[in-house]
Amino acid sequence: MSNESNKASFGGWKVLTVYFSHSGNTRECARQINQRVGGDLLELTPVQPYPEDYDTVVSQAKRELRAGYRPELKAKGDDVADYDVVFVGSPNWWNTVAPPVMTYLAGYDFADKAIVPFITHEGTGLGQSARDIRDLCPGATVLEGIAIRGGEVNRAGQKLSEWLRKLGIAEAV
């Protein structure tokens, strides 16, 4: 897990962009969001890496989600108590966030935090990720998320900027 900071924040709020990326698509979205809003950047890395083979990882993810499995993470970063806004990124795995993201979200108290989901996918959109994040983070305010197709992440800058403006984060874009 990497924890990078560009020491910026918007609106006087401390911002964290936290994400899990299997193929690199969610990492690229996280980088672009962080570039626009500032704050800290945290990549979630499971102790046991996921297989690279697509069919194998899809099958493993399905089993883990059905079983409610939460993989151990290499490190969890700073306590979220230090942040006001947390952007949460994940690939859409079986209509929800990936298990490493669930591990992270279940490990902290997000009450009174604003959580902003961003999901990469190949046709399934946000799925039920926002609802599942809400369930994992009682007391948090989950703002409108965005879904970016994996094949479009390198060209998503304008879409991300428009989304951030719609959320009222225009001064950072």
N, C-alpha and C. Protein backbone atom coordinates (compact mmCIF):
# COMPACT_ATOMS: atom_id res chain seq x y z
N MET A 1 0.85 -1.17 0.00
CA MET A 1 0.00 0.00 0.00
C MET A 1 0.89 1.22 0.00
N SER A 2 0.59 2.12 -0.89
CA SER A 2 1.35 3.37 -0.91
C SER A 2 0.48 4.46 -0.31
N ASN A 3 1.11 5.39 0.33
CA ASN A 3 0.38 6.52 0.90
C ASN A 3 1.15 7.76 0.49
N GLU A 4 0.62 8.43 -0.54
CA GLU A 4 1.27 9.63 -1.05
C GLU A 4 0.44 10.83 -0.66
N SER A 5 1.09 11.96 -0.52
CA SER A 5 0.36 13.17 -0.18
C SER A 5 0.90 14.32 -1.00
N ASN A 6 -0.02 15.13 -1.51
CA ASN A 6 0.43 16.35 -2.15
C ASN A 6 0.08 17.55 -1.27
N LYS A 7 -0.30 17.29 -0.02
CA LYS A 7 -0.48 18.28 1.04
C LYS A 7 -1.52 19.35 0.72
N ALA A 8 -2.35 19.11 -0.27
CA ALA A 8 -3.38 20.10 -0.59
C ALA A 8 -4.72 19.63 -0.06
N SER A 9 -5.65 20.53 0.02
CA SER A 9 -7.03 20.19 0.34
C SER A 9 -7.91 21.22 -0.32
N PHE A 10 -9.19 20.93 -0.42
CA PHE A 10 -10.09 21.91 -1.00
C PHE A 10 -11.07 22.37 0.06
N GLY A 11 -11.47 23.62 -0.06
CA GLY A 11 -12.46 24.17 0.85
C GLY A 11 -12.07 24.09 2.32
N GLY A 12 -10.79 23.95 2.62
CA GLY A 12 -10.36 23.83 4.00
C GLY A 12 -10.57 22.44 4.57
N TRP A 13 -11.06 21.51 3.77
CA TRP A 13 -11.29 20.14 4.22
C TRP A 13 -10.07 19.29 3.93
N LYS A 14 -9.81 18.36 4.83
CA LYS A 14 -8.74 17.38 4.56
C LYS A 14 -9.33 16.24 3.75
N VAL A 15 -8.64 15.90 2.68
CA VAL A 15 -9.15 14.93 1.71
C VAL A 15 -8.24 13.71 1.63
N LEU A 16 -8.87 12.54 1.55
CA LEU A 16 -8.16 11.28 1.32
C LEU A 16 -8.80 10.61 0.11
N THR A 17 -7.97 10.16 -0.81
CA THR A 17 -8.43 9.32 -1.92
C THR A 17 -7.83 7.94 -1.67
N VAL A 18 -8.71 6.98 -1.39
CA VAL A 18 -8.29 5.62 -1.07
C VAL A 18 -8.89 4.69 -2.12
N TYR A 19 -8.10 3.70 -2.55
CA TYR A 19 -8.58 2.85 -3.63
C TYR A 19 -7.88 1.50 -3.64
N PHE A 20 -8.55 0.53 -4.27
CA PHE A 20 -7.96 -0.75 -4.62
C PHE A 20 -8.03 -0.84 -6.13
N SER A 21 -6.94 -1.28 -6.74
CA SER A 21 -6.90 -1.43 -8.20
C SER A 21 -6.27 -2.76 -8.55
N HIS A 22 -6.98 -3.56 -9.32
CA HIS A 22 -6.43 -4.84 -9.76
C HIS A 22 -5.69 -4.70 -11.08
N SER A 23 -6.30 -4.00 -12.04
CA SER A 23 -5.72 -3.90 -13.38
C SER A 23 -4.99 -2.59 -13.63
N GLY A 24 -5.14 -1.62 -12.72
CA GLY A 24 -4.52 -0.31 -12.91
C GLY A 24 -5.54 0.76 -13.28
N ASN A 25 -6.75 0.39 -13.68
CA ASN A 25 -7.76 1.37 -14.08
C ASN A 25 -8.20 2.24 -12.91
N THR A 26 -8.48 1.63 -11.78
CA THR A 26 -8.92 2.41 -10.62
C THR A 26 -7.78 3.28 -10.10
N ARG A 27 -6.55 2.78 -10.19
CA ARG A 27 -5.38 3.58 -9.80
C ARG A 27 -5.30 4.86 -10.63
N GLU A 28 -5.53 4.73 -11.93
CA GLU A 28 -5.48 5.91 -12.80
C GLU A 28 -6.59 6.89 -12.47
N CYS A 29 -7.79 6.40 -12.20
CA CYS A 29 -8.89 7.30 -11.79
C CYS A 29 -8.53 8.00 -10.48
N ALA A 30 -7.99 7.25 -9.53
CA ALA A 30 -7.61 7.83 -8.24
C ALA A 30 -6.56 8.92 -8.44
N ARG A 31 -5.60 8.67 -9.30
CA ARG A 31 -4.56 9.66 -9.57
C ARG A 31 -5.17 10.94 -10.14
N GLN A 32 -6.09 10.79 -11.08
CA GLN A 32 -6.71 11.97 -11.69
C GLN A 32 -7.59 12.74 -10.69
N ILE A 33 -8.31 12.03 -9.85
CA ILE A 33 -9.13 12.69 -8.83
C ILE A 33 -8.22 13.43 -7.86
N ASN A 34 -7.19 12.76 -7.39
CA ASN A 34 -6.26 13.36 -6.44
C ASN A 34 -5.58 14.60 -7.04
N GLN A 35 -5.28 14.54 -8.31
CA GLN A 35 -4.68 15.68 -9.00
C GLN A 35 -5.63 16.89 -8.98
N ARG A 36 -6.93 16.62 -9.00
CA ARG A 36 -7.93 17.70 -9.03
C ARG A 36 -8.32 18.21 -7.65
N VAL A 37 -8.34 17.34 -6.64
CA VAL A 37 -8.84 17.76 -5.32
C VAL A 37 -7.75 17.85 -4.26
N GLY A 38 -6.58 17.30 -4.54
CA GLY A 38 -5.49 17.35 -3.57
C GLY A 38 -5.69 16.33 -2.46
N GLY A 39 -4.96 16.53 -1.38
CA GLY A 39 -5.05 15.63 -0.24
C GLY A 39 -4.11 14.44 -0.36
N ASP A 40 -4.42 13.43 0.41
CA ASP A 40 -3.59 12.22 0.47
C ASP A 40 -4.13 11.15 -0.45
N LEU A 41 -3.24 10.27 -0.90
CA LEU A 41 -3.57 9.18 -1.81
C LEU A 41 -3.10 7.88 -1.18
N LEU A 42 -4.01 6.92 -1.05
CA LEU A 42 -3.71 5.66 -0.38
C LEU A 42 -4.18 4.49 -1.24
N GLU A 43 -3.24 3.62 -1.64
CA GLU A 43 -3.59 2.42 -2.38
C GLU A 43 -3.68 1.25 -1.41
N LEU A 44 -4.79 0.52 -1.48
CA LEU A 44 -4.99 -0.66 -0.64
C LEU A 44 -4.39 -1.88 -1.34
N THR A 45 -3.53 -2.58 -0.62
CA THR A 45 -2.88 -3.75 -1.18
C THR A 45 -3.09 -4.94 -0.25
N PRO A 46 -3.76 -5.99 -0.72
CA PRO A 46 -3.96 -7.16 0.14
C PRO A 46 -2.64 -7.90 0.38
N VAL A 47 -2.53 -8.52 1.55
CA VAL A 47 -1.34 -9.30 1.88
C VAL A 47 -1.14 -10.39 0.83
N GLN A 48 -2.22 -11.09 0.49
CA GLN A 48 -2.17 -12.11 -0.56
C GLN A 48 -2.66 -11.47 -1.85
N PRO A 49 -1.78 -11.22 -2.81
CA PRO A 49 -2.21 -10.57 -4.05
C PRO A 49 -3.23 -11.41 -4.81
N TYR A 50 -4.07 -10.73 -5.55
CA TYR A 50 -5.03 -11.42 -6.40
C TYR A 50 -4.32 -11.96 -7.63
N PRO A 51 -4.81 -13.08 -8.18
CA PRO A 51 -4.22 -13.63 -9.40
C PRO A 51 -4.35 -12.63 -10.55
N GLU A 52 -3.43 -12.67 -11.48
CA GLU A 52 -3.48 -11.78 -12.63
C GLU A 52 -4.45 -12.27 -13.69
N ASP A 53 -4.63 -13.57 -13.80
CA ASP A 53 -5.52 -14.15 -14.80
C ASP A 53 -6.96 -13.70 -14.54
N TYR A 54 -7.60 -13.14 -15.57
CA TYR A 54 -8.93 -12.55 -15.43
C TYR A 54 -9.95 -13.56 -14.90
N ASP A 55 -10.06 -14.72 -15.54
CA ASP A 55 -11.08 -15.69 -15.12
C ASP A 55 -10.85 -16.17 -13.69
N THR A 56 -9.59 -16.32 -13.31
CA THR A 56 -9.27 -16.77 -11.96
C THR A 56 -9.65 -15.73 -10.92
N VAL A 57 -9.33 -14.46 -11.19
CA VAL A 57 -9.66 -13.41 -10.23
C VAL A 57 -11.18 -13.20 -10.14
N VAL A 58 -11.88 -13.32 -11.26
CA VAL A 58 -13.34 -13.19 -11.25
C VAL A 58 -13.96 -14.28 -10.38
N SER A 59 -13.49 -15.48 -10.54
CA SER A 59 -14.00 -16.60 -9.74
C SER A 59 -13.69 -16.42 -8.25
N GLN A 60 -12.46 -16.01 -7.96
CA GLN A 60 -12.07 -15.79 -6.56
C GLN A 60 -12.89 -14.66 -5.93
N ALA A 61 -13.07 -13.57 -6.67
CA ALA A 61 -13.85 -12.44 -6.15
C ALA A 61 -15.28 -12.86 -5.85
N LYS A 62 -15.87 -13.63 -6.72
CA LYS A 62 -17.24 -14.11 -6.50
C LYS A 62 -17.33 -14.93 -5.22
N ARG A 63 -16.38 -15.85 -5.03
CA ARG A 63 -16.36 -16.67 -3.80
C ARG A 63 -16.20 -15.80 -2.56
N GLU A 64 -15.27 -14.86 -2.62
CA GLU A 64 -15.01 -13.99 -1.46
C GLU A 64 -16.23 -13.16 -1.10
N LEU A 65 -16.87 -12.59 -2.10
CA LEU A 65 -18.04 -11.75 -1.84
C LEU A 65 -19.19 -12.57 -1.27
N ARG A 66 -19.42 -13.74 -1.80
CA ARG A 66 -20.49 -14.61 -1.28
C ARG A 66 -20.23 -15.00 0.17
N ALA A 67 -18.96 -15.20 0.51
CA ALA A 67 -18.59 -15.64 1.87
C ALA A 67 -18.43 -14.48 2.84
N GLY A 68 -18.47 -13.24 2.33
CA GLY A 68 -18.25 -12.08 3.20
C GLY A 68 -16.80 -11.97 3.64
N TYR A 69 -15.89 -12.53 2.86
CA TYR A 69 -14.46 -12.54 3.18
C TYR A 69 -13.87 -11.14 3.10
N ARG A 70 -13.05 -10.80 4.07
CA ARG A 70 -12.34 -9.52 4.11
C ARG A 70 -10.84 -9.81 4.16
N PRO A 71 -10.13 -9.62 3.04
CA PRO A 71 -8.70 -9.92 3.02
C PRO A 71 -7.90 -8.97 3.92
N GLU A 72 -6.85 -9.51 4.49
CA GLU A 72 -5.96 -8.68 5.29
C GLU A 72 -5.19 -7.75 4.36
N LEU A 73 -5.03 -6.50 4.80
CA LEU A 73 -4.30 -5.51 4.02
C LEU A 73 -2.88 -5.36 4.56
N LYS A 74 -1.93 -5.03 3.68
CA LYS A 74 -0.53 -4.86 4.10
C LYS A 74 -0.39 -3.76 5.13
N ALA A 75 -1.09 -2.67 4.93
CA ALA A 75 -1.09 -1.56 5.88
C ALA A 75 -2.38 -0.81 5.65
N LYS A 76 -2.84 -0.07 6.64
CA LYS A 76 -4.14 0.59 6.51
C LYS A 76 -4.04 2.10 6.43
N GLY A 77 -2.87 2.67 6.49
CA GLY A 77 -2.75 4.12 6.39
C GLY A 77 -3.14 4.81 7.68
N ASP A 78 -3.26 6.13 7.59
CA ASP A 78 -3.62 6.93 8.76
C ASP A 78 -5.09 6.75 9.10
N ASP A 79 -5.44 7.05 10.34
CA ASP A 79 -6.82 6.98 10.79
C ASP A 79 -7.65 7.98 10.00
N VAL A 80 -8.84 7.58 9.59
CA VAL A 80 -9.70 8.48 8.83
C VAL A 80 -10.22 9.64 9.66
N ALA A 81 -10.01 9.60 10.97
CA ALA A 81 -10.44 10.72 11.82
C ALA A 81 -9.77 12.02 11.38
N ASP A 82 -8.63 11.91 10.71
CA ASP A 82 -7.90 13.08 10.25
C ASP A 82 -8.48 13.72 8.99
N TYR A 83 -9.51 13.10 8.40
CA TYR A 83 -10.04 13.55 7.12
C TYR A 83 -11.50 13.94 7.23
N ASP A 84 -11.91 14.85 6.33
CA ASP A 84 -13.30 15.27 6.23
C ASP A 84 -14.01 14.60 5.06
N VAL A 85 -13.28 14.43 3.95
CA VAL A 85 -13.83 13.87 2.72
C VAL A 85 -12.95 12.69 2.31
N VAL A 86 -13.60 11.55 2.01
CA VAL A 86 -12.85 10.37 1.59
C VAL A 86 -13.42 9.89 0.26
N PHE A 87 -12.61 10.00 -0.79
CA PHE A 87 -12.96 9.42 -2.09
C PHE A 87 -12.58 7.95 -2.01
N VAL A 88 -13.52 7.05 -2.36
CA VAL A 88 -13.30 5.61 -2.24
C VAL A 88 -13.44 4.99 -3.63
N GLY A 89 -12.34 4.38 -4.10
CA GLY A 89 -12.32 3.80 -5.44
C GLY A 89 -12.15 2.30 -5.45
N SER A 90 -12.84 1.67 -6.40
CA SER A 90 -12.78 0.21 -6.53
C SER A 90 -13.21 -0.18 -7.93
N PRO A 91 -12.71 -1.32 -8.39
CA PRO A 91 -13.35 -1.91 -9.57
C PRO A 91 -14.72 -2.46 -9.14
N ASN A 92 -15.64 -2.54 -10.07
CA ASN A 92 -16.93 -3.18 -9.79
C ASN A 92 -16.72 -4.68 -9.91
N TRP A 93 -16.78 -5.35 -8.77
CA TRP A 93 -16.66 -6.80 -8.76
C TRP A 93 -18.00 -7.36 -8.32
N TRP A 94 -18.65 -8.02 -9.22
CA TRP A 94 -19.94 -8.64 -8.94
C TRP A 94 -20.92 -7.64 -8.35
N ASN A 95 -20.97 -6.47 -8.95
CA ASN A 95 -21.96 -5.44 -8.63
C ASN A 95 -21.70 -4.68 -7.34
N THR A 96 -20.49 -4.77 -6.81
CA THR A 96 -20.15 -4.06 -5.58
C THR A 96 -18.66 -3.72 -5.57
N VAL A 97 -18.19 -3.18 -4.46
CA VAL A 97 -16.76 -2.88 -4.32
C VAL A 97 -15.99 -4.16 -4.02
N ALA A 98 -14.72 -4.15 -4.34
CA ALA A 98 -13.85 -5.30 -4.12
C ALA A 98 -13.63 -5.54 -2.62
N PRO A 99 -13.41 -6.79 -2.22
CA PRO A 99 -13.20 -7.11 -0.80
C PRO A 99 -12.13 -6.28 -0.09
N PRO A 100 -10.98 -5.93 -0.71
CA PRO A 100 -10.03 -5.09 0.02
C PRO A 100 -10.62 -3.74 0.44
N VAL A 101 -11.51 -3.18 -0.38
CA VAL A 101 -12.16 -1.92 -0.03
C VAL A 101 -13.11 -2.16 1.15
N MET A 102 -13.81 -3.28 1.13
CA MET A 102 -14.70 -3.61 2.25
C MET A 102 -13.90 -3.76 3.55
N THR A 103 -12.74 -4.39 3.47
CA THR A 103 -11.88 -4.54 4.64
C THR A 103 -11.54 -3.16 5.21
N TYR A 104 -11.13 -2.27 4.35
CA TYR A 104 -10.74 -0.93 4.77
C TYR A 104 -11.92 -0.19 5.40
N LEU A 105 -13.05 -0.18 4.70
CA LEU A 105 -14.21 0.57 5.19
C LEU A 105 -14.73 0.02 6.51
N ALA A 106 -14.70 -1.29 6.67
CA ALA A 106 -15.19 -1.91 7.91
C ALA A 106 -14.23 -1.67 9.08
N GLY A 107 -13.01 -1.25 8.77
CA GLY A 107 -11.99 -1.09 9.81
C GLY A 107 -11.94 0.26 10.49
N TYR A 108 -12.77 1.21 10.03
CA TYR A 108 -12.74 2.56 10.58
C TYR A 108 -14.15 3.07 10.85
N ASP A 109 -14.22 4.10 11.66
CA ASP A 109 -15.48 4.80 11.92
C ASP A 109 -15.55 6.00 10.98
N PHE A 110 -16.48 5.96 10.04
CA PHE A 110 -16.64 7.03 9.06
C PHE A 110 -17.78 7.98 9.41
N ALA A 111 -18.29 7.90 10.63
CA ALA A 111 -19.37 8.79 11.04
C ALA A 111 -18.95 10.24 10.83
N ASP A 112 -19.85 11.03 10.31
CA ASP A 112 -19.64 12.45 10.05
C ASP A 112 -18.62 12.73 8.95
N LYS A 113 -18.28 11.74 8.16
CA LYS A 113 -17.38 11.93 7.01
C LYS A 113 -18.22 11.96 5.74
N ALA A 114 -17.73 12.64 4.73
CA ALA A 114 -18.34 12.58 3.40
C ALA A 114 -17.54 11.55 2.60
N ILE A 115 -18.23 10.56 2.07
CA ILE A 115 -17.59 9.52 1.26
C ILE A 115 -18.08 9.69 -0.18
N VAL A 116 -17.12 9.66 -1.10
CA VAL A 116 -17.43 9.88 -2.51
C VAL A 116 -16.92 8.67 -3.30
N PRO A 117 -17.84 7.78 -3.74
CA PRO A 117 -17.40 6.58 -4.47
C PRO A 117 -17.03 6.86 -5.92
N PHE A 118 -16.00 6.16 -6.38
CA PHE A 118 -15.69 6.13 -7.81
C PHE A 118 -15.36 4.69 -8.17
N ILE A 119 -16.01 4.22 -9.23
CA ILE A 119 -15.97 2.81 -9.60
C ILE A 119 -15.53 2.68 -11.05
N THR A 120 -14.62 1.75 -11.30
CA THR A 120 -14.27 1.42 -12.67
C THR A 120 -14.98 0.12 -13.02
N HIS A 121 -15.33 -0.03 -14.30
CA HIS A 121 -16.15 -1.17 -14.71
C HIS A 121 -16.00 -1.41 -16.20
N GLU A 122 -16.59 -2.48 -16.65
CA GLU A 122 -16.64 -2.75 -18.09
C GLU A 122 -18.07 -2.96 -18.55
N GLY A 123 -18.99 -2.18 -18.00
CA GLY A 123 -20.37 -2.24 -18.45
C GLY A 123 -21.39 -2.32 -17.32
N THR A 124 -20.93 -2.46 -16.09
CA THR A 124 -21.87 -2.65 -14.97
C THR A 124 -22.09 -1.39 -14.15
N GLY A 125 -21.40 -0.31 -14.46
CA GLY A 125 -21.60 0.95 -13.76
C GLY A 125 -21.29 0.87 -12.27
N LEU A 126 -22.02 1.67 -11.49
CA LEU A 126 -21.82 1.71 -10.04
C LEU A 126 -22.35 0.47 -9.34
N GLY A 127 -23.30 -0.23 -9.98
CA GLY A 127 -23.91 -1.37 -9.33
C GLY A 127 -24.52 -0.95 -8.01
N GLN A 128 -24.34 -1.78 -6.99
CA GLN A 128 -24.86 -1.46 -5.65
C GLN A 128 -23.75 -0.98 -4.73
N SER A 129 -22.65 -0.50 -5.33
CA SER A 129 -21.49 -0.10 -4.52
C SER A 129 -21.82 1.01 -3.53
N ALA A 130 -22.57 2.03 -3.95
CA ALA A 130 -22.89 3.14 -3.04
C ALA A 130 -23.71 2.63 -1.85
N ARG A 131 -24.67 1.78 -2.12
CA ARG A 131 -25.48 1.21 -1.03
C ARG A 131 -24.62 0.38 -0.08
N ASP A 132 -23.73 -0.42 -0.64
CA ASP A 132 -22.87 -1.25 0.19
C ASP A 132 -21.90 -0.40 1.01
N ILE A 133 -21.39 0.67 0.43
CA ILE A 133 -20.52 1.59 1.17
C ILE A 133 -21.31 2.22 2.31
N ARG A 134 -22.55 2.64 2.04
CA ARG A 134 -23.42 3.21 3.08
C ARG A 134 -23.60 2.21 4.23
N ASP A 135 -23.82 0.95 3.89
CA ASP A 135 -24.00 -0.09 4.92
C ASP A 135 -22.74 -0.31 5.75
N LEU A 136 -21.57 -0.21 5.10
CA LEU A 136 -20.29 -0.41 5.80
C LEU A 136 -19.87 0.80 6.63
N CYS A 137 -20.46 1.96 6.34
CA CYS A 137 -20.04 3.21 6.97
C CYS A 137 -21.23 3.96 7.59
N PRO A 138 -21.85 3.38 8.62
CA PRO A 138 -22.99 4.06 9.22
C PRO A 138 -22.59 5.43 9.76
N GLY A 139 -23.46 6.39 9.54
CA GLY A 139 -23.20 7.74 10.02
C GLY A 139 -22.45 8.61 9.02
N ALA A 140 -21.97 8.01 7.93
CA ALA A 140 -21.28 8.78 6.90
C ALA A 140 -22.31 9.30 5.90
N THR A 141 -21.95 10.36 5.22
CA THR A 141 -22.76 10.87 4.12
C THR A 141 -22.10 10.38 2.84
N VAL A 142 -22.81 9.53 2.09
CA VAL A 142 -22.27 9.01 0.83
C VAL A 142 -22.82 9.88 -0.29
N LEU A 143 -21.91 10.60 -0.94
CA LEU A 143 -22.28 11.50 -2.03
C LEU A 143 -22.41 10.73 -3.34
N GLU A 144 -22.92 11.40 -4.35
CA GLU A 144 -23.11 10.78 -5.66
C GLU A 144 -21.78 10.30 -6.22
N GLY A 145 -21.74 9.04 -6.59
CA GLY A 145 -20.52 8.47 -7.14
C GLY A 145 -20.45 8.61 -8.64
N ILE A 146 -19.36 8.11 -9.17
CA ILE A 146 -19.16 8.11 -10.63
C ILE A 146 -18.64 6.74 -11.04
N ALA A 147 -19.08 6.31 -12.22
CA ALA A 147 -18.60 5.06 -12.80
C ALA A 147 -17.86 5.40 -14.09
N ILE A 148 -16.66 4.88 -14.21
CA ILE A 148 -15.83 5.11 -15.39
C ILE A 148 -15.47 3.75 -16.00
N ARG A 149 -15.75 3.61 -17.28
CA ARG A 149 -15.36 2.37 -17.97
C ARG A 149 -13.84 2.23 -17.95
N GLY A 150 -13.39 1.02 -17.68
CA GLY A 150 -11.95 0.77 -17.61
C GLY A 150 -11.20 1.21 -18.83
N GLY A 151 -11.76 0.97 -20.00
CA GLY A 151 -11.10 1.35 -21.24
C GLY A 151 -11.07 2.85 -21.50
N GLU A 152 -11.78 3.62 -20.67
CA GLU A 152 -11.86 5.06 -20.86
C GLU A 152 -11.14 5.87 -19.78
N VAL A 153 -10.49 5.21 -18.83
CA VAL A 153 -9.90 5.95 -17.70
C VAL A 153 -8.85 6.96 -18.14
N ASN A 154 -8.10 6.66 -19.16
CA ASN A 154 -7.05 7.60 -19.59
C ASN A 154 -7.62 8.84 -20.26
N ARG A 155 -8.90 8.79 -20.63
CA ARG A 155 -9.56 9.94 -21.26
C ARG A 155 -10.70 10.47 -20.39
N ALA A 156 -10.67 10.20 -19.11
CA ALA A 156 -11.79 10.53 -18.22
C ALA A 156 -11.69 11.89 -17.55
N GLY A 157 -10.65 12.65 -17.84
CA GLY A 157 -10.42 13.91 -17.14
C GLY A 157 -11.59 14.87 -17.15
N GLN A 158 -12.17 15.10 -18.32
CA GLN A 158 -13.30 16.04 -18.41
C GLN A 158 -14.51 15.51 -17.66
N LYS A 159 -14.78 14.23 -17.79
CA LYS A 159 -15.92 13.63 -17.08
C LYS A 159 -15.73 13.74 -15.57
N LEU A 160 -14.52 13.50 -15.10
CA LEU A 160 -14.23 13.62 -13.66
C LEU A 160 -14.38 15.07 -13.20
N SER A 161 -13.88 16.01 -14.00
CA SER A 161 -14.00 17.43 -13.64
C SER A 161 -15.46 17.86 -13.56
N GLU A 162 -16.27 17.44 -14.53
CA GLU A 162 -17.69 17.78 -14.52
C GLU A 162 -18.39 17.19 -13.29
N TRP A 163 -18.06 15.96 -12.95
CA TRP A 163 -18.63 15.29 -11.77
C TRP A 163 -18.25 16.05 -10.49
N LEU A 164 -16.99 16.44 -10.38
CA LEU A 164 -16.55 17.18 -9.19
C LEU A 164 -17.24 18.54 -9.09
N ARG A 165 -17.42 19.20 -10.23
CA ARG A 165 -18.16 20.47 -10.22
C ARG A 165 -19.60 20.25 -9.76
N LYS A 166 -20.23 19.20 -10.26
CA LYS A 166 -21.61 18.88 -9.88
C LYS A 166 -21.72 18.63 -8.37
N LEU A 167 -20.68 18.06 -7.78
CA LEU A 167 -20.66 17.80 -6.35
C LEU A 167 -20.37 19.07 -5.54
N GLY A 168 -20.02 20.14 -6.23
CA GLY A 168 -19.70 21.39 -5.53
C GLY A 168 -18.24 21.53 -5.19
N ILE A 169 -17.42 20.80 -5.90
CA ILE A 169 -15.97 20.83 -5.66
C ILE A 169 -15.31 21.57 -6.82
N ALA A 170 -16.04 22.51 -7.41
CA ALA A 170 -15.57 23.19 -8.61
C ALA A 170 -14.31 24.00 -8.36
N GLU A 171 -14.13 24.52 -7.15
CA GLU A 171 -12.96 25.35 -6.91
C GLU A 171 -11.67 24.56 -6.98
N ALA A 172 -11.74 23.27 -6.89
CA ALA A 172 -10.54 22.45 -6.94
C ALA A 172 -10.27 21.91 -8.33
N VAL A 173 -11.15 22.18 -9.27
CA VAL A 173 -11.04 21.57 -10.60
C VAL A 173 -10.52 22.57 -11.60
